[in-house]
PDB file of all heavy atoms in Angstrom:
ATOM      1  N   LEU A   1     -14.811  12.855   5.817  1.00  0.00           N
ATOM      2  CA  LEU A   1     -16.304  12.891   5.599  1.00  0.00           C
ATOM      3  C   LEU A   1     -16.648  12.098   4.383  1.00  0.00           C
ATOM      4  O   LEU A   1     -17.618  11.265   4.366  1.00  0.00           O
ATOM      5  CB  LEU A   1     -16.796  14.301   5.542  1.00  0.00           C
ATOM      6  CG  LEU A   1     -18.295  14.433   5.445  1.00  0.00           C
ATOM      7  CD1 LEU A   1     -19.046  13.788   6.588  1.00  0.00           C
ATOM      8  CD2 LEU A   1     -18.682  15.936   5.301  1.00  0.00           C
ATOM      9  N   GLY A   2     -15.952  12.327   3.283  1.00  0.00           N
ATOM     10  CA  GLY A   2     -16.247  11.551   2.058  1.00  0.00           C
ATOM     11  C   GLY A   2     -16.131  10.109   2.195  1.00  0.00           C
ATOM     12  O   GLY A   2     -16.964   9.333   1.725  1.00  0.00           O
ATOM     13  N   ARG A   3     -15.098   9.607   2.940  1.00  0.00           N
ATOM     14  CA  ARG A   3     -14.997   8.189   3.152  1.00  0.00           C
ATOM     15  C   ARG A   3     -16.145   7.663   4.002  1.00  0.00           C
ATOM     16  O   ARG A   3     -16.662   6.578   3.708  1.00  0.00           O
ATOM     17  CB  ARG A   3     -13.657   7.910   3.860  1.00  0.00           C
ATOM     18  CG  ARG A   3     -12.436   8.106   2.891  1.00  0.00           C
ATOM     19  CD  ARG A   3     -11.150   7.531   3.535  1.00  0.00           C
ATOM     20  NE  ARG A   3     -10.725   8.406   4.684  1.00  0.00           N
ATOM     21  CZ  ARG A   3      -9.942   9.473   4.494  1.00  0.00           C
ATOM     22  NH1 ARG A   3      -9.501   9.780   3.306  1.00  0.00           N
ATOM     23  NH2 ARG A   3      -9.564  10.150   5.570  1.00  0.00           N
ATOM     24  N   GLY A   4     -16.575   8.496   4.961  1.00  0.00           N
ATOM     25  CA  GLY A   4     -17.700   8.100   5.774  1.00  0.00           C
ATOM     26  C   GLY A   4     -19.028   8.017   4.961  1.00  0.00           C
ATOM     27  O   GLY A   4     -19.812   7.114   5.174  1.00  0.00           O
ATOM     28  N   VAL A   5     -19.171   8.923   4.014  1.00  0.00           N
ATOM     29  CA  VAL A   5     -20.342   8.974   3.168  1.00  0.00           C
ATOM     30  C   VAL A   5     -20.383   7.665   2.295  1.00  0.00           C
ATOM     31  O   VAL A   5     -21.464   7.030   2.152  1.00  0.00           O
ATOM     32  CB  VAL A   5     -20.420  10.224   2.317  1.00  0.00           C
ATOM     33  CG1 VAL A   5     -21.455  10.063   1.203  1.00  0.00           C
ATOM     34  CG2 VAL A   5     -20.717  11.458   3.167  1.00  0.00           C
ATOM     35  N   VAL A   6     -19.289   7.281   1.740  1.00  0.00           N
ATOM     36  CA  VAL A   6     -19.230   6.097   0.929  1.00  0.00           C
ATOM     37  C   VAL A   6     -19.639   4.894   1.745  1.00  0.00           C
ATOM     38  O   VAL A   6     -20.455   4.047   1.285  1.00  0.00           O
ATOM     39  CB  VAL A   6     -17.842   5.923   0.275  1.00  0.00           C
ATOM     40  CG1 VAL A   6     -17.743   4.508  -0.319  1.00  0.00           C
ATOM     41  CG2 VAL A   6     -17.602   6.951  -0.753  1.00  0.00           C
ATOM     42  N   THR A   7     -19.106   4.787   2.955  1.00  0.00           N
ATOM     43  CA  THR A   7     -19.445   3.652   3.807  1.00  0.00           C
ATOM     44  C   THR A   7     -20.930   3.657   4.192  1.00  0.00           C
ATOM     45  O   THR A   7     -21.581   2.651   4.165  1.00  0.00           O
ATOM     46  CB  THR A   7     -18.635   3.711   5.103  1.00  0.00           C
ATOM     47  OG1 THR A   7     -17.226   3.633   4.763  1.00  0.00           O
ATOM     48  CG2 THR A   7     -18.938   2.608   6.062  1.00  0.00           C
ATOM     49  N   ALA A   8     -21.499   4.839   4.518  1.00  0.00           N
ATOM     50  CA  ALA A   8     -22.912   4.968   4.822  1.00  0.00           C
ATOM     51  C   ALA A   8     -23.811   4.608   3.702  1.00  0.00           C
ATOM     52  O   ALA A   8     -24.886   3.970   3.846  1.00  0.00           O
ATOM     53  CB  ALA A   8     -23.200   6.363   5.349  1.00  0.00           C
ATOM     54  N   LEU A   9     -23.404   5.040   2.473  1.00  0.00           N
ATOM     55  CA  LEU A   9     -24.188   4.675   1.276  1.00  0.00           C
ATOM     56  C   LEU A   9     -24.235   3.166   1.116  1.00  0.00           C
ATOM     57  O   LEU A   9     -25.258   2.634   0.669  1.00  0.00           O
ATOM     58  CB  LEU A   9     -23.635   5.389   0.050  1.00  0.00           C
ATOM     59  CG  LEU A   9     -23.863   6.899  -0.033  1.00  0.00           C
ATOM     60  CD1 LEU A   9     -22.981   7.528  -1.122  1.00  0.00           C
ATOM     61  CD2 LEU A   9     -25.322   7.187  -0.260  1.00  0.00           C
ATOM     62  N   LYS A  10     -23.130   2.527   1.311  1.00  0.00           N
ATOM     63  CA  LYS A  10     -23.068   1.023   1.111  1.00  0.00           C
ATOM     64  C   LYS A  10     -24.010   0.340   2.133  1.00  0.00           C
ATOM     65  O   LYS A  10     -24.510  -0.779   1.843  1.00  0.00           O
ATOM     66  CB  LYS A  10     -21.689   0.556   1.319  1.00  0.00           C
ATOM     67  CG  LYS A  10     -20.709   0.967   0.157  1.00  0.00           C
ATOM     68  CD  LYS A  10     -19.281   0.480   0.419  1.00  0.00           C
ATOM     69  CE  LYS A  10     -18.382   0.839  -0.719  1.00  0.00           C
ATOM     70  NZ  LYS A  10     -16.981   0.424  -0.483  1.00  0.00           N
ATOM     71  N   ALA A  11     -24.236   0.946   3.324  1.00  0.00           N
ATOM     72  CA  ALA A  11     -25.099   0.392   4.288  1.00  0.00           C
ATOM     73  C   ALA A  11     -26.568   0.610   3.986  1.00  0.00           C
ATOM     74  O   ALA A  11     -27.463  -0.040   4.601  1.00  0.00           O
ATOM     75  CB  ALA A  11     -24.730   0.906   5.663  1.00  0.00           C
ATOM     76  N   ALA A  12     -26.897   1.582   3.145  1.00  0.00           N
ATOM     77  CA  ALA A  12     -28.293   1.934   2.858  1.00  0.00           C
ATOM     78  C   ALA A  12     -28.876   0.902   1.903  1.00  0.00           C
ATOM     79  O   ALA A  12     -28.265   0.520   0.887  1.00  0.00           O
ATOM     80  CB  ALA A  12     -28.357   3.340   2.234  1.00  0.00           C
ATOM     81  N   PRO A  13     -30.093   0.481   2.144  1.00  0.00           N
ATOM     82  CA  PRO A  13     -30.681  -0.550   1.286  1.00  0.00           C
ATOM     83  C   PRO A  13     -31.176  -0.016  -0.066  1.00  0.00           C
ATOM     84  O   PRO A  13     -31.421  -0.849  -0.942  1.00  0.00           O
ATOM     85  CB  PRO A  13     -31.967  -1.069   2.096  1.00  0.00           C
ATOM     86  CG  PRO A  13     -32.288   0.139   2.948  1.00  0.00           C
ATOM     87  CD  PRO A  13     -30.962   0.835   3.253  1.00  0.00           C
ATOM     88  N   ASP A  14     -31.286   1.321  -0.231  1.00  0.00           N
ATOM     89  CA  ASP A  14     -31.828   1.853  -1.414  1.00  0.00           C
ATOM     90  C   ASP A  14     -30.899   2.865  -2.080  1.00  0.00           C
ATOM     91  O   ASP A  14     -31.294   3.638  -2.940  1.00  0.00           O
ATOM     92  CB  ASP A  14     -33.154   2.536  -1.123  1.00  0.00           C
ATOM     93  CG  ASP A  14     -33.037   3.572  -0.004  1.00  0.00           C
ATOM     94  OD1 ASP A  14     -32.012   3.655   0.623  1.00  0.00           O
ATOM     95  OD2 ASP A  14     -33.983   4.416   0.156  1.00  0.00           O
ATOM     96  N   MET A  15     -29.596   2.873  -1.695  1.00  0.00           N
ATOM     97  CA  MET A  15     -28.676   3.900  -2.205  1.00  0.00           C
ATOM     98  C   MET A  15     -27.331   3.245  -2.486  1.00  0.00           C
ATOM     99  O   MET A  15     -27.021   2.216  -1.861  1.00  0.00           O
ATOM    100  CB  MET A  15     -28.497   5.063  -1.253  1.00  0.00           C
ATOM    101  CG  MET A  15     -29.802   5.642  -0.732  1.00  0.00           C
ATOM    102  SD  MET A  15     -29.573   6.946   0.488  1.00  0.00           S
ATOM    103  CE  MET A  15     -29.311   8.320  -0.614  1.00  0.00           C
ATOM    104  N   GLU A  16     -26.617   3.782  -3.468  1.00  0.00           N
ATOM    105  CA  GLU A  16     -25.273   3.256  -3.760  1.00  0.00           C
ATOM    106  C   GLU A  16     -24.299   4.371  -4.139  1.00  0.00           C
ATOM    107  O   GLU A  16     -24.687   5.276  -4.856  1.00  0.00           O
ATOM    108  CB  GLU A  16     -25.346   2.228  -4.805  1.00  0.00           C
ATOM    109  CG  GLU A  16     -25.928   2.647  -6.161  1.00  0.00           C
ATOM    110  CD  GLU A  16     -26.016   1.535  -7.167  1.00  0.00           C
ATOM    111  OE1 GLU A  16     -25.623   0.404  -6.838  1.00  0.00           O
ATOM    112  OE2 GLU A  16     -26.478   1.810  -8.328  1.00  0.00           O
ATOM    113  N   PRO A  17     -23.086   4.279  -3.703  1.00  0.00           N
ATOM    114  CA  PRO A  17     -22.073   5.275  -4.157  1.00  0.00           C
ATOM    115  C   PRO A  17     -21.645   4.907  -5.587  1.00  0.00           C
ATOM    116  O   PRO A  17     -21.180   3.768  -5.819  1.00  0.00           O
ATOM    117  CB  PRO A  17     -20.928   5.077  -3.172  1.00  0.00           C
ATOM    118  CG  PRO A  17     -21.026   3.640  -2.714  1.00  0.00           C
ATOM    119  CD  PRO A  17     -22.526   3.330  -2.762  1.00  0.00           C
ATOM    120  N   THR A  18     -21.899   5.834  -6.474  1.00  0.00           N
ATOM    121  CA  THR A  18     -21.667   5.517  -7.924  1.00  0.00           C
ATOM    122  C   THR A  18     -20.387   6.102  -8.442  1.00  0.00           C
ATOM    123  O   THR A  18     -19.656   5.450  -9.167  1.00  0.00           O
ATOM    124  CB  THR A  18     -22.835   6.082  -8.711  1.00  0.00           C
ATOM    125  OG1 THR A  18     -24.045   5.595  -8.184  1.00  0.00           O
ATOM    126  CG2 THR A  18     -22.743   5.638 -10.165  1.00  0.00           C
ATOM    127  N   PHE A  19     -20.086   7.340  -7.979  1.00  0.00           N
ATOM    128  CA  PHE A  19     -18.806   7.965  -8.385  1.00  0.00           C
ATOM    129  C   PHE A  19     -18.236   8.806  -7.205  1.00  0.00           C
ATOM    130  O   PHE A  19     -18.991   9.286  -6.410  1.00  0.00           O
ATOM    131  CB  PHE A  19     -19.019   8.947  -9.594  1.00  0.00           C
ATOM    132  CG  PHE A  19     -19.631   8.317 -10.775  1.00  0.00           C
ATOM    133  CD1 PHE A  19     -20.957   8.521 -11.117  1.00  0.00           C
ATOM    134  CD2 PHE A  19     -18.887   7.468 -11.604  1.00  0.00           C
ATOM    135  CE1 PHE A  19     -21.510   7.928 -12.253  1.00  0.00           C
ATOM    136  CE2 PHE A  19     -19.469   6.865 -12.724  1.00  0.00           C
ATOM    137  CZ  PHE A  19     -20.769   7.102 -13.041  1.00  0.00           C
ATOM    138  N   ILE A  20     -16.919   8.871  -7.186  1.00  0.00           N
ATOM    139  CA  ILE A  20     -16.173   9.778  -6.256  1.00  0.00           C
ATOM    140  C   ILE A  20     -15.506  10.833  -7.109  1.00  0.00           C
ATOM    141  O   ILE A  20     -14.856  10.512  -8.097  1.00  0.00           O
ATOM    142  CB  ILE A  20     -15.170   8.999  -5.399  1.00  0.00           C
ATOM    143  CG1 ILE A  20     -15.871   8.008  -4.503  1.00  0.00           C
ATOM    144  CG2 ILE A  20     -14.326   9.964  -4.586  1.00  0.00           C
ATOM    145  CD1 ILE A  20     -14.921   6.997  -3.833  1.00  0.00           C
ATOM    146  N   PHE A  21     -15.574  12.094  -6.676  1.00  0.00           N
ATOM    147  CA  PHE A  21     -14.906  13.184  -7.377  1.00  0.00           C
ATOM    148  C   PHE A  21     -13.908  13.802  -6.348  1.00  0.00           C
ATOM    149  O   PHE A  21     -14.289  14.159  -5.247  1.00  0.00           O
ATOM    150  CB  PHE A  21     -15.912  14.229  -7.835  1.00  0.00           C
ATOM    151  CG  PHE A  21     -16.938  13.613  -8.784  1.00  0.00           C
ATOM    152  CD1 PHE A  21     -18.158  13.191  -8.289  1.00  0.00           C
ATOM    153  CD2 PHE A  21     -16.669  13.450 -10.118  1.00  0.00           C
ATOM    154  CE1 PHE A  21     -19.092  12.610  -9.147  1.00  0.00           C
ATOM    155  CE2 PHE A  21     -17.582  12.869 -10.950  1.00  0.00           C
ATOM    156  CZ  PHE A  21     -18.803  12.488 -10.509  1.00  0.00           C
ATOM    157  N   THR A  22     -12.670  14.057  -6.805  1.00  0.00           N
ATOM    158  CA  THR A  22     -11.639  14.521  -5.937  1.00  0.00           C
ATOM    159  C   THR A  22     -10.711  15.465  -6.641  1.00  0.00           C
ATOM    160  O   THR A  22     -10.564  15.400  -7.841  1.00  0.00           O
ATOM    161  CB  THR A  22     -10.792  13.327  -5.396  1.00  0.00           C
ATOM    162  OG1 THR A  22      -9.753  13.815  -4.544  1.00  0.00           O
ATOM    163  CG2 THR A  22     -10.166  12.543  -6.538  1.00  0.00           C
ATOM    164  N   ARG A  23     -10.193  16.439  -5.817  1.00  0.00           N
ATOM    165  CA  ARG A  23      -9.170  17.372  -6.410  1.00  0.00           C
ATOM    166  C   ARG A  23      -7.785  16.763  -6.377  1.00  0.00           C
ATOM    167  O   ARG A  23      -6.873  17.293  -6.942  1.00  0.00           O
ATOM    168  CB  ARG A  23      -9.198  18.684  -5.546  1.00  0.00           C
ATOM    169  CG  ARG A  23     -10.428  19.484  -5.746  1.00  0.00           C
ATOM    170  CD  ARG A  23     -10.474  20.723  -4.897  1.00  0.00           C
ATOM    171  NE  ARG A  23     -10.530  20.432  -3.499  1.00  0.00           N
ATOM    172  CZ  ARG A  23     -10.908  21.290  -2.565  1.00  0.00           C
ATOM    173  NH1 ARG A  23     -11.255  22.602  -2.941  1.00  0.00           N
ATOM    174  NH2 ARG A  23     -10.979  21.008  -1.281  1.00  0.00           N
ATOM    175  N   ARG A  24      -7.636  15.627  -5.735  1.00  0.00           N
ATOM    176  CA  ARG A  24      -6.390  14.886  -5.681  1.00  0.00           C
ATOM    177  C   ARG A  24      -6.211  14.104  -6.952  1.00  0.00           C
ATOM    178  O   ARG A  24      -7.197  13.931  -7.751  1.00  0.00           O
ATOM    179  CB  ARG A  24      -6.284  14.007  -4.463  1.00  0.00           C
ATOM    180  CG  ARG A  24      -6.026  14.797  -3.146  1.00  0.00           C
ATOM    181  CD  ARG A  24      -5.995  13.808  -1.952  1.00  0.00           C
ATOM    182  NE  ARG A  24      -7.299  13.415  -1.557  1.00  0.00           N
ATOM    183  CZ  ARG A  24      -7.534  12.441  -0.681  1.00  0.00           C
ATOM    184  NH1 ARG A  24      -6.520  11.765  -0.192  1.00  0.00           N
ATOM    185  NH2 ARG A  24      -8.757  12.136  -0.298  1.00  0.00           N
ATOM    186  N   ASP A  25      -5.106  13.464  -7.131  1.00  0.00           N
ATOM    187  CA  ASP A  25      -4.899  12.533  -8.315  1.00  0.00           C
ATOM    188  C   ASP A  25      -5.777  11.332  -8.072  1.00  0.00           C
ATOM    189  O   ASP A  25      -5.612  10.657  -7.085  1.00  0.00           O
ATOM    190  CB  ASP A  25      -3.422  12.135  -8.381  1.00  0.00           C
ATOM    191  CG  ASP A  25      -3.151  11.143  -9.486  1.00  0.00           C
ATOM    192  OD1 ASP A  25      -4.060  10.817 -10.259  1.00  0.00           O
ATOM    193  OD2 ASP A  25      -2.007  10.716  -9.578  1.00  0.00           O
ATOM    194  N   PRO A  26      -6.776  11.092  -8.950  1.00  0.00           N
ATOM    195  CA  PRO A  26      -7.617   9.891  -8.751  1.00  0.00           C
ATOM    196  C   PRO A  26      -6.913   8.639  -8.533  1.00  0.00           C
ATOM    197  O   PRO A  26      -7.329   7.750  -7.854  1.00  0.00           O
ATOM    198  CB  PRO A  26      -8.468   9.894 -10.026  1.00  0.00           C
ATOM    199  CG  PRO A  26      -8.523  11.323 -10.470  1.00  0.00           C
ATOM    200  CD  PRO A  26      -7.172  11.881 -10.156  1.00  0.00           C
ATOM    201  N   ALA A  27      -5.682   8.490  -9.132  1.00  0.00           N
ATOM    202  CA  ALA A  27      -4.902   7.264  -9.040  1.00  0.00           C
ATOM    203  C   ALA A  27      -4.368   7.081  -7.632  1.00  0.00           C
ATOM    204  O   ALA A  27      -4.011   5.924  -7.233  1.00  0.00           O
ATOM    205  CB  ALA A  27      -3.736   7.311 -10.056  1.00  0.00           C
ATOM    206  N   SER A  28      -4.361   8.171  -6.836  1.00  0.00           N
ATOM    207  CA  SER A  28      -3.883   8.047  -5.477  1.00  0.00           C
ATOM    208  C   SER A  28      -4.959   7.590  -4.529  1.00  0.00           C
ATOM    209  O   SER A  28      -4.661   7.329  -3.278  1.00  0.00           O
ATOM    210  CB  SER A  28      -3.354   9.393  -4.994  1.00  0.00           C
ATOM    211  OG  SER A  28      -4.381  10.328  -4.854  1.00  0.00           O
ATOM    212  N   ILE A  29      -6.210   7.449  -4.962  1.00  0.00           N
ATOM    213  CA  ILE A  29      -7.321   7.096  -4.117  1.00  0.00           C
ATOM    214  C   ILE A  29      -7.598   5.616  -4.184  1.00  0.00           C
ATOM    215  O   ILE A  29      -7.819   5.069  -5.217  1.00  0.00           O
ATOM    216  CB  ILE A  29      -8.619   7.888  -4.546  1.00  0.00           C
ATOM    217  CG1 ILE A  29      -8.415   9.434  -4.542  1.00  0.00           C
ATOM    218  CG2 ILE A  29      -9.776   7.500  -3.675  1.00  0.00           C
ATOM    219  CD1 ILE A  29      -8.107  10.001  -3.210  1.00  0.00           C
ATOM    220  N   GLU A  30      -7.580   4.989  -2.995  1.00  0.00           N
ATOM    221  CA  GLU A  30      -7.907   3.572  -2.908  1.00  0.00           C
ATOM    222  C   GLU A  30      -9.411   3.452  -2.560  1.00  0.00           C
ATOM    223  O   GLU A  30      -9.782   3.735  -1.462  1.00  0.00           O
ATOM    224  CB  GLU A  30      -7.029   2.894  -1.872  1.00  0.00           C
ATOM    225  CG  GLU A  30      -5.572   2.814  -2.241  1.00  0.00           C
ATOM    226  CD  GLU A  30      -4.752   1.992  -1.233  1.00  0.00           C
ATOM    227  OE1 GLU A  30      -5.441   1.387  -0.350  1.00  0.00           O
ATOM    228  OE2 GLU A  30      -3.532   1.991  -1.266  1.00  0.00           O
ATOM    229  N   ALA A  31     -10.157   3.038  -3.531  1.00  0.00           N
ATOM    230  CA  ALA A  31     -11.614   2.892  -3.310  1.00  0.00           C
ATOM    231  C   ALA A  31     -12.171   1.909  -4.295  1.00  0.00           C
ATOM    232  O   ALA A  31     -11.590   1.745  -5.388  1.00  0.00           O
ATOM    233  CB  ALA A  31     -12.323   4.244  -3.469  1.00  0.00           C
ATOM    234  N   ASP A  32     -13.275   1.243  -3.992  1.00  0.00           N
ATOM    235  CA  ASP A  32     -13.918   0.257  -4.856  1.00  0.00           C
ATOM    236  C   ASP A  32     -15.048   0.933  -5.550  1.00  0.00           C
ATOM    237  O   ASP A  32     -15.978   0.276  -6.093  1.00  0.00           O
ATOM    238  CB  ASP A  32     -14.360  -0.996  -4.110  1.00  0.00           C
ATOM    239  CG  ASP A  32     -15.314  -0.664  -2.956  1.00  0.00           C
ATOM    240  OD1 ASP A  32     -15.576   0.531  -2.743  1.00  0.00           O
ATOM    241  OD2 ASP A  32     -15.686  -1.610  -2.220  1.00  0.00           O
ATOM    242  N   VAL A  33     -15.015   2.268  -5.701  1.00  0.00           N
ATOM    243  CA  VAL A  33     -15.974   3.055  -6.411  1.00  0.00           C
ATOM    244  C   VAL A  33     -15.133   3.911  -7.442  1.00  0.00           C
ATOM    245  O   VAL A  33     -14.087   4.415  -7.122  1.00  0.00           O
ATOM    246  CB  VAL A  33     -16.757   4.047  -5.459  1.00  0.00           C
ATOM    247  CG1 VAL A  33     -17.694   4.955  -6.274  1.00  0.00           C
ATOM    248  CG2 VAL A  33     -17.509   3.259  -4.436  1.00  0.00           C
ATOM    249  N   PRO A  34     -15.639   4.046  -8.710  1.00  0.00           N
ATOM    250  CA  PRO A  34     -14.908   4.825  -9.702  1.00  0.00           C
ATOM    251  C   PRO A  34     -14.605   6.206  -9.213  1.00  0.00           C
ATOM    252  O   PRO A  34     -15.458   6.902  -8.691  1.00  0.00           O
ATOM    253  CB  PRO A  34     -15.862   4.842 -10.860  1.00  0.00           C
ATOM    254  CG  PRO A  34     -16.679   3.577 -10.728  1.00  0.00           C
ATOM    255  CD  PRO A  34     -16.914   3.394  -9.251  1.00  0.00           C
ATOM    256  N   VAL A  35     -13.327   6.668  -9.433  1.00  0.00           N
ATOM    257  CA  VAL A  35     -12.885   7.961  -8.949  1.00  0.00           C
ATOM    258  C   VAL A  35     -12.484   8.848 -10.169  1.00  0.00           C
ATOM    259  O   VAL A  35     -11.814   8.393 -11.071  1.00  0.00           O
ATOM    260  CB  VAL A  35     -11.651   7.819  -7.999  1.00  0.00           C
ATOM    261  CG1 VAL A  35     -11.233   9.168  -7.488  1.00  0.00           C
ATOM    262  CG2 VAL A  35     -11.943   6.839  -6.860  1.00  0.00           C
TER     263      VAL A  35
END
């Protein structure tokens, strides 16, 4: 769901994914948004 939300935010003309928060090791997350 979180990955889907980031994708949907990128498609929105007035919204942007700014930060991702995770219980996993942030270094293990491949994303072009700060984790």
